[in-house]
Amino acid sequence: MVGEDGNKVTAQNLMFDEQTGIAKKYSREPFIKTVKTGVRSDGSILKLPMEPKMVLSDREVGAIYDYLKTVPKIHNDIAQKTTALHLVNK
């Protein structure tokens, strides 16, 4: 994906791979809050392509979380592949 500034945009691995995904960062409730507000628990703000989804209910975002837990884990270390870019995850 290309951002508004023309630069490549990278995003965090949403799979539940313990090393490269969100598994070790988010339990259900913090995930819901982060998706809805666009602010991580450490206070940092999500960047494109992720935007706050305030119109979704807690139940809807919870269903997304529950679904992601059923998807086979994918090991995808974005940090190793994009050393020249500022990454979304900190």
PDB file of N, CA and C in Angstrom:
ATOM      1  N   MET A   1       0.840  -1.170   0.000  1.00  0.00           N
ATOM      2  CA  MET A   1       0.000   0.000   0.000  1.00  0.00           C
ATOM      3  C   MET A   1       0.888   1.238   0.000  1.00  0.00           C
ATOM      4  N   VAL A   2       0.441   2.262  -0.708  1.00  0.00           N
ATOM      5  CA  VAL A   2       1.174   3.519  -0.795  1.00  0.00           C
ATOM      6  C   VAL A   2       0.382   4.591  -0.060  1.00  0.00           C
ATOM      7  N   GLY A   3       1.062   5.340   0.799  1.00  0.00           N
ATOM      8  CA  GLY A   3       0.422   6.397   1.569  1.00  0.00           C
ATOM      9  C   GLY A   3       0.194   7.649   0.754  1.00  0.00           C
ATOM     10  N   GLU A   4      -0.451   8.631   1.381  1.00  0.00           N
ATOM     11  CA  GLU A   4      -0.751   9.898   0.709  1.00  0.00           C
ATOM     12  C   GLU A   4       0.508  10.619   0.258  1.00  0.00           C
ATOM     13  N   ASP A   5       1.618  10.374   0.964  1.00  0.00           N
ATOM     14  CA  ASP A   5       2.880  11.031   0.611  1.00  0.00           C
ATOM     15  C   ASP A   5       3.661  10.274  -0.467  1.00  0.00           C
ATOM     16  N   GLY A   6       3.092   9.152  -0.954  1.00  0.00           N
ATOM     17  CA  GLY A   6       3.736   8.371  -2.000  1.00  0.00           C
ATOM     18  C   GLY A   6       4.690   7.298  -1.494  1.00  0.00           C
ATOM     19  N   ASN A   7       4.917   7.262  -0.187  1.00  0.00           N
ATOM     20  CA  ASN A   7       5.811   6.263   0.387  1.00  0.00           C
ATOM     21  C   ASN A   7       5.053   4.983   0.742  1.00  0.00           C
ATOM     22  N   LYS A   8       5.767   3.878   0.733  1.00  0.00           N
ATOM     23  CA  LYS A   8       5.176   2.592   1.082  1.00  0.00           C
ATOM     24  C   LYS A   8       4.749   2.607   2.548  1.00  0.00           C
ATOM     25  N   VAL A   9       3.571   2.078   2.818  1.00  0.00           N
ATOM     26  CA  VAL A   9       3.049   2.000   4.175  1.00  0.00           C
ATOM     27  C   VAL A   9       3.094   0.541   4.618  1.00  0.00           C
ATOM     28  N   THR A  10       3.621   0.310   5.806  1.00  0.00           N
ATOM     29  CA  THR A  10       3.626  -1.041   6.360  1.00  0.00           C
ATOM     30  C   THR A  10       2.688  -1.086   7.547  1.00  0.00           C
ATOM     31  N   ALA A  11       2.190  -2.261   7.840  1.00  0.00           N
ATOM     32  CA  ALA A  11       1.270  -2.415   8.960  1.00  0.00           C
ATOM     33  C   ALA A  11       1.684  -3.617   9.789  1.00  0.00           C
ATOM     34  N   GLN A  12       1.254  -3.608  11.011  1.00  0.00           N
ATOM     35  CA  GLN A  12       1.554  -4.688  11.937  1.00  0.00           C
ATOM     36  C   GLN A  12       0.893  -5.983  11.490  1.00  0.00           C
ATOM     37  N   ASN A  13       1.540  -7.100  11.779  1.00  0.00           N
ATOM     38  CA  ASN A  13       0.986  -8.418  11.498  1.00  0.00           C
ATOM     39  C   ASN A  13      -0.168  -8.664  12.467  1.00  0.00           C
ATOM     40  N   LEU A  14      -1.387  -8.755  11.965  1.00  0.00           N
ATOM     41  CA  LEU A  14      -2.560  -8.951  12.817  1.00  0.00           C
ATOM     42  C   LEU A  14      -2.786 -10.399  13.220  1.00  0.00           C
ATOM     43  N   MET A  15      -1.992 -11.307  12.711  1.00  0.00           N
ATOM     44  CA  MET A  15      -2.151 -12.703  13.093  1.00  0.00           C
ATOM     45  C   MET A  15      -1.657 -12.900  14.525  1.00  0.00           C
ATOM     46  N   PHE A  16      -1.944 -14.037  15.083  1.00  0.00           N
ATOM     47  CA  PHE A  16      -1.580 -14.306  16.465  1.00  0.00           C
ATOM     48  C   PHE A  16      -0.279 -15.095  16.604  1.00  0.00           C
ATOM     49  N   ASP A  17       0.640 -14.892  15.656  1.00  0.00           N
ATOM     50  CA  ASP A  17       1.970 -15.467  15.769  1.00  0.00           C
ATOM     51  C   ASP A  17       2.646 -14.835  16.986  1.00  0.00           C
ATOM     52  N   GLU A  18       3.194 -15.665  17.869  1.00  0.00           N
ATOM     53  CA  GLU A  18       3.768 -15.169  19.121  1.00  0.00           C
ATOM     54  C   GLU A  18       4.984 -14.274  18.917  1.00  0.00           C
ATOM     55  N   GLN A  19       5.704 -14.426  17.824  1.00  0.00           N
ATOM     56  CA  GLN A  19       6.910 -13.640  17.600  1.00  0.00           C
ATOM     57  C   GLN A  19       6.663 -12.377  16.782  1.00  0.00           C
ATOM     58  N   THR A  20       5.809 -12.445  15.771  1.00  0.00           N
ATOM     59  CA  THR A  20       5.671 -11.304  14.863  1.00  0.00           C
ATOM     60  C   THR A  20       4.269 -10.706  14.823  1.00  0.00           C
ATOM     61  N   GLY A  21       3.340 -11.305  15.507  1.00  0.00           N
ATOM     62  CA  GLY A  21       1.960 -10.833  15.452  1.00  0.00           C
ATOM     63  C   GLY A  21       1.547 -10.087  16.697  1.00  0.00           C
ATOM     64  N   ILE A  22       0.248  -9.912  16.845  1.00  0.00           N
ATOM     65  CA  ILE A  22      -0.286  -9.135  17.960  1.00  0.00           C
ATOM     66  C   ILE A  22      -0.532  -9.969  19.214  1.00  0.00           C
ATOM     67  N   ALA A  23      -0.274 -11.260  19.172  1.00  0.00           N
ATOM     68  CA  ALA A  23      -0.616 -12.167  20.277  1.00  0.00           C
ATOM     69  C   ALA A  23      -0.052 -11.701  21.619  1.00  0.00           C
ATOM     70  N   LYS A  24       1.184 -11.294  21.632  1.00  0.00           N
ATOM     71  CA  LYS A  24       1.789 -10.913  22.913  1.00  0.00           C
ATOM     72  C   LYS A  24       1.476  -9.465  23.301  1.00  0.00           C
ATOM     73  N   LYS A  25       0.852  -8.713  22.416  1.00  0.00           N
ATOM     74  CA  LYS A  25       0.568  -7.310  22.695  1.00  0.00           C
ATOM     75  C   LYS A  25      -0.865  -7.042  23.121  1.00  0.00           C
ATOM     76  N   TYR A  26      -1.797  -7.858  22.654  1.00  0.00           N
ATOM     77  CA  TYR A  26      -3.197  -7.543  22.882  1.00  0.00           C
ATOM     78  C   TYR A  26      -4.005  -8.721  23.394  1.00  0.00           C
ATOM     79  N   SER A  27      -4.723  -8.469  24.463  1.00  0.00           N
ATOM     80  CA  SER A  27      -5.802  -9.365  24.849  1.00  0.00           C
ATOM     81  C   SER A  27      -7.066  -8.738  24.234  1.00  0.00           C
ATOM     82  N   ARG A  28      -8.196  -9.339  24.448  1.00  0.00           N
ATOM     83  CA  ARG A  28      -9.429  -8.924  23.769  1.00  0.00           C
ATOM     84  C   ARG A  28      -9.813  -7.462  24.058  1.00  0.00           C
ATOM     85  N   GLU A  29      -9.891  -7.084  25.327  1.00  0.00           N
ATOM     86  CA  GLU A  29     -10.355  -5.732  25.668  1.00  0.00           C
ATOM     87  C   GLU A  29      -9.417  -4.627  25.174  1.00  0.00           C
ATOM     88  N   PRO A  30      -8.099  -4.733  25.369  1.00  0.00           N
ATOM     89  CA  PRO A  30      -7.214  -3.701  24.812  1.00  0.00           C
ATOM     90  C   PRO A  30      -7.290  -3.621  23.281  1.00  0.00           C
ATOM     91  N   PHE A  31      -7.490  -4.763  22.616  1.00  0.00           N
ATOM     92  CA  PHE A  31      -7.636  -4.766  21.159  1.00  0.00           C
ATOM     93  C   PHE A  31      -8.870  -3.950  20.770  1.00  0.00           C
ATOM     94  N   ILE A  32      -9.980  -4.197  21.442  1.00  0.00           N
ATOM     95  CA  ILE A  32     -11.221  -3.471  21.147  1.00  0.00           C
ATOM     96  C   ILE A  32     -11.010  -1.973  21.321  1.00  0.00           C
ATOM     97  N   LYS A  33     -10.412  -1.575  22.432  1.00  0.00           N
ATOM     98  CA  LYS A  33     -10.190  -0.146  22.703  1.00  0.00           C
ATOM     99  C   LYS A  33      -9.269   0.476  21.647  1.00  0.00           C
ATOM    100  N   THR A  34      -8.198  -0.235  21.285  1.00  0.00           N
ATOM    101  CA  THR A  34      -7.248   0.292  20.302  1.00  0.00           C
ATOM    102  C   THR A  34      -7.896   0.457  18.931  1.00  0.00           C
ATOM    103  N   VAL A  35      -8.651  -0.536  18.496  1.00  0.00           N
ATOM    104  CA  VAL A  35      -9.302  -0.451  17.183  1.00  0.00           C
ATOM    105  C   VAL A  35     -10.313   0.697  17.160  1.00  0.00           C
ATOM    106  N   LYS A  36     -11.072   0.857  18.223  1.00  0.00           N
ATOM    107  CA  LYS A  36     -12.116   1.877  18.237  1.00  0.00           C
ATOM    108  C   LYS A  36     -11.570   3.300  18.384  1.00  0.00           C
ATOM    109  N   THR A  37     -10.513   3.464  19.183  1.00  0.00           N
ATOM    110  CA  THR A  37      -9.988   4.808  19.438  1.00  0.00           C
ATOM    111  C   THR A  37      -8.810   5.197  18.560  1.00  0.00           C
ATOM    112  N   GLY A  38      -8.090   4.198  18.038  1.00  0.00           N
ATOM    113  CA  GLY A  38      -6.894   4.492  17.256  1.00  0.00           C
ATOM    114  C   GLY A  38      -5.689   4.791  18.118  1.00  0.00           C
ATOM    115  N   VAL A  39      -5.796   4.540  19.427  1.00  0.00           N
ATOM    116  CA  VAL A  39      -4.699   4.814  20.360  1.00  0.00           C
ATOM    117  C   VAL A  39      -4.337   3.524  21.080  1.00  0.00           C
ATOM    118  N   ARG A  40      -3.045   3.173  21.042  1.00  0.00           N
ATOM    119  CA  ARG A  40      -2.569   1.979  21.731  1.00  0.00           C
ATOM    120  C   ARG A  40      -2.533   2.223  23.237  1.00  0.00           C
ATOM    121  N   SER A  41      -2.400   1.161  24.004  1.00  0.00           N
ATOM    122  CA  SER A  41      -2.370   1.286  25.468  1.00  0.00           C
ATOM    123  C   SER A  41      -1.152   2.076  25.948  1.00  0.00           C
ATOM    124  N   ASP A  42      -0.086   2.147  25.137  1.00  0.00           N
ATOM    125  CA  ASP A  42       1.088   2.946  25.518  1.00  0.00           C
ATOM    126  C   ASP A  42       0.935   4.418  25.128  1.00  0.00           C
ATOM    127  N   GLY A  43      -0.223   4.781  24.560  1.00  0.00           N
ATOM    128  CA  GLY A  43      -0.494   6.163  24.170  1.00  0.00           C
ATOM    129  C   GLY A  43      -0.109   6.513  22.750  1.00  0.00           C
ATOM    130  N   SER A  44       0.591   5.622  22.050  1.00  0.00           N
ATOM    131  CA  SER A  44       0.963   5.912  20.664  1.00  0.00           C
ATOM    132  C   SER A  44      -0.263   5.747  19.756  1.00  0.00           C
ATOM    133  N   ILE A  45      -0.245   6.463  18.657  1.00  0.00           N
ATOM    134  CA  ILE A  45      -1.388   6.505  17.746  1.00  0.00           C
ATOM    135  C   ILE A  45      -1.149   5.579  16.555  1.00  0.00           C
ATOM    136  N   LEU A  46      -2.193   4.833  16.187  1.00  0.00           N
ATOM    137  CA  LEU A  46      -2.111   3.990  14.991  1.00  0.00           C
ATOM    138  C   LEU A  46      -1.968   4.875  13.763  1.00  0.00           C
ATOM    139  N   LYS A  47      -1.262   4.373  12.783  1.00  0.00           N
ATOM    140  CA  LYS A  47      -1.060   5.118  11.543  1.00  0.00           C
ATOM    141  C   LYS A  47      -1.712   4.386  10.389  1.00  0.00           C
ATOM    142  N   LEU A  48      -1.776   5.046   9.247  1.00  0.00           N
ATOM    143  CA  LEU A  48      -2.335   4.410   8.061  1.00  0.00           C
ATOM    144  C   LEU A  48      -1.656   3.076   7.815  1.00  0.00           C
ATOM    145  N   PRO A  49      -2.352   2.097   7.384  1.00  0.00           N
ATOM    146  CA  PRO A  49      -3.700   2.124   6.849  1.00  0.00           C
ATOM    147  C   PRO A  49      -4.794   1.977   7.912  1.00  0.00           C
ATOM    148  N   MET A  50      -4.430   1.874   9.175  1.00  0.00           N
ATOM    149  CA  MET A  50      -5.418   1.702  10.236  1.00  0.00           C
ATOM    150  C   MET A  50      -5.924   3.052  10.713  1.00  0.00           C
ATOM    151  N   GLU A  51      -7.221   3.209  10.698  1.00  0.00           N
ATOM    152  CA  GLU A  51      -7.864   4.408  11.221  1.00  0.00           C
ATOM    153  C   GLU A  51      -8.837   3.998  12.311  1.00  0.00           C
ATOM    154  N   PRO A  52      -9.149   4.894  13.254  1.00  0.00           N
ATOM    155  CA  PRO A  52     -10.105   4.542  14.306  1.00  0.00           C
ATOM    156  C   PRO A  52     -11.439   4.095  13.710  1.00  0.00           C
ATOM    157  N   LYS A  53     -12.029   3.118  14.336  1.00  0.00           N
ATOM    158  CA  LYS A  53     -13.317   2.566  13.884  1.00  0.00           C
ATOM    159  C   LYS A  53     -14.370   2.775  14.969  1.00  0.00           C
ATOM    160  N   MET A  54     -14.601   4.031  15.339  1.00  0.00           N
ATOM    161  CA  MET A  54     -15.521   4.369  16.421  1.00  0.00           C
ATOM    162  C   MET A  54     -16.956   3.962  16.135  1.00  0.00           C
ATOM    163  N   VAL A  55     -17.311   3.793  14.871  1.00  0.00           N
ATOM    164  CA  VAL A  55     -18.689   3.432  14.532  1.00  0.00           C
ATOM    165  C   VAL A  55     -18.984   1.964  14.830  1.00  0.00           C
ATOM    166  N   LEU A  56     -17.942   1.159  15.045  1.00  0.00           N
ATOM    167  CA  LEU A  56     -18.148  -0.247  15.364  1.00  0.00           C
ATOM    168  C   LEU A  56     -18.448  -0.410  16.851  1.00  0.00           C
ATOM    169  N   SER A  57     -19.315  -1.339  17.164  1.00  0.00           N
ATOM    170  CA  SER A  57     -19.620  -1.627  18.574  1.00  0.00           C
ATOM    171  C   SER A  57     -18.513  -2.498  19.161  1.00  0.00           C
ATOM    172  N   ASP A  58     -18.474  -2.559  20.485  1.00  0.00           N
ATOM    173  CA  ASP A  58     -17.512  -3.450  21.145  1.00  0.00           C
ATOM    174  C   ASP A  58     -17.732  -4.881  20.688  1.00  0.00           C
ATOM    175  N   ARG A  59     -18.981  -5.246  20.504  1.00  0.00           N
ATOM    176  CA  ARG A  59     -19.305  -6.610  20.070  1.00  0.00           C
ATOM    177  C   ARG A  59     -18.731  -6.890  18.675  1.00  0.00           C
ATOM    178  N   GLU A  60     -18.849  -5.920  17.765  1.00  0.00           N
ATOM    179  CA  GLU A  60     -18.330  -6.103  16.407  1.00  0.00           C
ATOM    180  C   GLU A  60     -16.809  -6.229  16.400  1.00  0.00           C
ATOM    181  N   VAL A  61     -16.124  -5.347  17.131  1.00  0.00           N
ATOM    182  CA  VAL A  61     -14.664  -5.410  17.172  1.00  0.00           C
ATOM    183  C   VAL A  61     -14.226  -6.682  17.899  1.00  0.00           C
ATOM    184  N   GLY A  62     -14.953  -7.065  18.920  1.00  0.00           N
ATOM    185  CA  GLY A  62     -14.665  -8.319  19.612  1.00  0.00           C
ATOM    186  C   GLY A  62     -14.794  -9.508  18.679  1.00  0.00           C
ATOM    187  N   ALA A  63     -15.768  -9.452  17.776  1.00  0.00           N
ATOM    188  CA  ALA A  63     -15.946 -10.533  16.796  1.00  0.00           C
ATOM    189  C   ALA A  63     -14.757 -10.586  15.835  1.00  0.00           C
ATOM    190  N   ILE A  64     -14.210  -9.434  15.478  1.00  0.00           N
ATOM    191  CA  ILE A  64     -13.009  -9.395  14.629  1.00  0.00           C
ATOM    192  C   ILE A  64     -11.849 -10.064  15.369  1.00  0.00           C
ATOM    193  N   TYR A  65     -11.677  -9.714  16.632  1.00  0.00           N
ATOM    194  CA  TYR A  65     -10.621 -10.308  17.456  1.00  0.00           C
ATOM    195  C   TYR A  65     -10.796 -11.827  17.526  1.00  0.00           C
ATOM    196  N   ASP A  66     -12.021 -12.243  17.820  1.00  0.00           N
ATOM    197  CA  ASP A  66     -12.296 -13.679  17.921  1.00  0.00           C
ATOM    198  C   ASP A  66     -12.014 -14.394  16.599  1.00  0.00           C
ATOM    199  N   TYR A  67     -12.369 -13.761  15.492  1.00  0.00           N
ATOM    200  CA  TYR A  67     -12.101 -14.351  14.175  1.00  0.00           C
ATOM    201  C   TYR A  67     -10.595 -14.470  13.939  1.00  0.00           C
ATOM    202  N   LEU A  68      -9.848 -13.410  14.225  1.00  0.00           N
ATOM    203  CA  LEU A  68      -8.402 -13.442  14.001  1.00  0.00           C
ATOM    204  C   LEU A  68      -7.739 -14.571  14.783  1.00  0.00           C
ATOM    205  N   LYS A  69      -8.291 -14.912  15.928  1.00  0.00           N
ATOM    206  CA  LYS A  69      -7.739 -16.017  16.725  1.00  0.00           C
ATOM    207  C   LYS A  69      -7.949 -17.370  16.045  1.00  0.00           C
ATOM    208  N   THR A  70      -8.913 -17.460  15.112  1.00  0.00           N
ATOM    209  CA  THR A  70      -9.180 -18.729  14.430  1.00  0.00           C
ATOM    210  C   THR A  70      -8.353 -18.904  13.159  1.00  0.00           C
ATOM    211  N   VAL A  71      -7.766 -17.815  12.665  1.00  0.00           N
ATOM    212  CA  VAL A  71      -6.990 -17.851  11.424  1.00  0.00           C
ATOM    213  C   VAL A  71      -5.621 -18.470  11.719  1.00  0.00           C
ATOM    214  N   PRO A  72      -5.140 -19.361  10.866  1.00  0.00           N
ATOM    215  CA  PRO A  72      -3.819 -19.949  11.098  1.00  0.00           C
ATOM    216  C   PRO A  72      -2.751 -18.857  11.251  1.00  0.00           C
ATOM    217  N   LYS A  73      -1.850 -19.079  12.195  1.00  0.00           N
ATOM    218  CA  LYS A  73      -0.786 -18.109  12.471  1.00  0.00           C
ATOM    219  C   LYS A  73       0.137 -17.974  11.269  1.00  0.00           C
ATOM    220  N   ILE A  74       0.552 -16.745  11.016  1.00  0.00           N
ATOM    221  CA  ILE A  74       1.500 -16.467   9.941  1.00  0.00           C
ATOM    222  C   ILE A  74       2.674 -15.719  10.545  1.00  0.00           C
ATOM    223  N   HIS A  75       3.863 -16.259  10.362  1.00  0.00           N
ATOM    224  CA  HIS A  75       5.081 -15.600  10.834  1.00  0.00           C
ATOM    225  C   HIS A  75       5.516 -14.615   9.750  1.00  0.00           C
ATOM    226  N   ASN A  76       5.420 -13.332  10.038  1.00  0.00           N
ATOM    227  CA  ASN A  76       5.742 -12.306   9.045  1.00  0.00           C
ATOM    228  C   ASN A  76       6.434 -11.156   9.758  1.00  0.00           C
ATOM    229  N   ASP A  77       7.752 -11.198   9.798  1.00  0.00           N
ATOM    230  CA  ASP A  77       8.522 -10.180  10.500  1.00  0.00           C
ATOM    231  C   ASP A  77       8.707  -8.954   9.614  1.00  0.00           C
ATOM    232  N   ILE A  78       7.812  -8.025   9.758  1.00  0.00           N
ATOM    233  CA  ILE A  78       7.825  -6.811   8.947  1.00  0.00           C
ATOM    234  C   ILE A  78       9.078  -5.985   9.202  1.00  0.00           C
ATOM    235  N   ALA A  79       9.533  -5.941  10.453  1.00  0.00           N
ATOM    236  CA  ALA A  79      10.706  -5.127  10.799  1.00  0.00           C
ATOM    237  C   ALA A  79      11.935  -5.543  10.007  1.00  0.00           C
ATOM    238  N   GLN A  80      12.127  -6.824   9.783  1.00  0.00           N
ATOM    239  CA  GLN A  80      13.292  -7.288   9.025  1.00  0.00           C
ATOM    240  C   GLN A  80      13.182  -6.943   7.552  1.00  0.00           C
ATOM    241  N   LYS A  81      11.976  -6.802   7.037  1.00  0.00           N
ATOM    242  CA  LYS A  81      11.780  -6.559   5.611  1.00  0.00           C
ATOM    243  C   LYS A  81      11.768  -5.080   5.243  1.00  0.00           C
ATOM    244  N   THR A  82      11.607  -4.204   6.223  1.00  0.00           N
ATOM    245  CA  THR A  82      11.435  -2.787   5.907  1.00  0.00           C
ATOM    246  C   THR A  82      12.347  -1.917   6.756  1.00  0.00           C
ATOM    247  N   THR A  83      13.604  -2.200   6.766  1.00  0.00           N
ATOM    248  CA  THR A  83      14.542  -1.477   7.630  1.00  0.00           C
ATOM    249  C   THR A  83      14.646   0.000   7.281  1.00  0.00           C
ATOM    250  N   ALA A  84      14.340   0.392   6.076  1.00  0.00           N
ATOM    251  CA  ALA A  84      14.473   1.794   5.676  1.00  0.00           C
ATOM    252  C   ALA A  84      13.226   2.617   5.968  1.00  0.00           C
ATOM    253  N   LEU A  85      12.168   1.976   6.447  1.00  0.00           N
ATOM    254  CA  LEU A  85      10.910   2.689   6.673  1.00  0.00           C
ATOM    255  C   LEU A  85      10.615   2.849   8.153  1.00  0.00           C
ATOM    256  N   HIS A  86       9.855   3.863   8.500  1.00  0.00           N
ATOM    257  CA  HIS A  86       9.338   3.987   9.856  1.00  0.00           C
ATOM    258  C   HIS A  86       8.186   3.001   9.985  1.00  0.00           C
ATOM    259  N   LEU A  87       8.222   2.175  11.000  1.00  0.00           N
ATOM    260  CA  LEU A  87       7.216   1.138  11.150  1.00  0.00           C
ATOM    261  C   LEU A  87       6.036   1.631  11.985  1.00  0.00           C
ATOM    262  N   VAL A  88       4.917   1.014  11.744  1.00  0.00           N
ATOM    263  CA  VAL A  88       3.713   1.335  12.496  1.00  0.00           C
ATOM    264  C   VAL A  88       3.858   0.862  13.938  1.00  0.00           C
ATOM    265  N   ASN A  89       4.367  -0.359  14.156  1.00  0.00           N
ATOM    266  CA  ASN A  89       4.492  -0.880  15.513  1.00  0.00           C
ATOM    267  C   ASN A  89       5.783  -0.378  16.152  1.00  0.00           C
ATOM    268  N   LYS A  90       5.706  -0.163  17.430  1.00  0.00           N
ATOM    269  CA  LYS A  90       6.861   0.345  18.154  1.00  0.00           C
ATOM    270  C   LYS A  90       7.442  -0.719  19.045  1.00  0.00           C
TER     271      LYS A  90
END
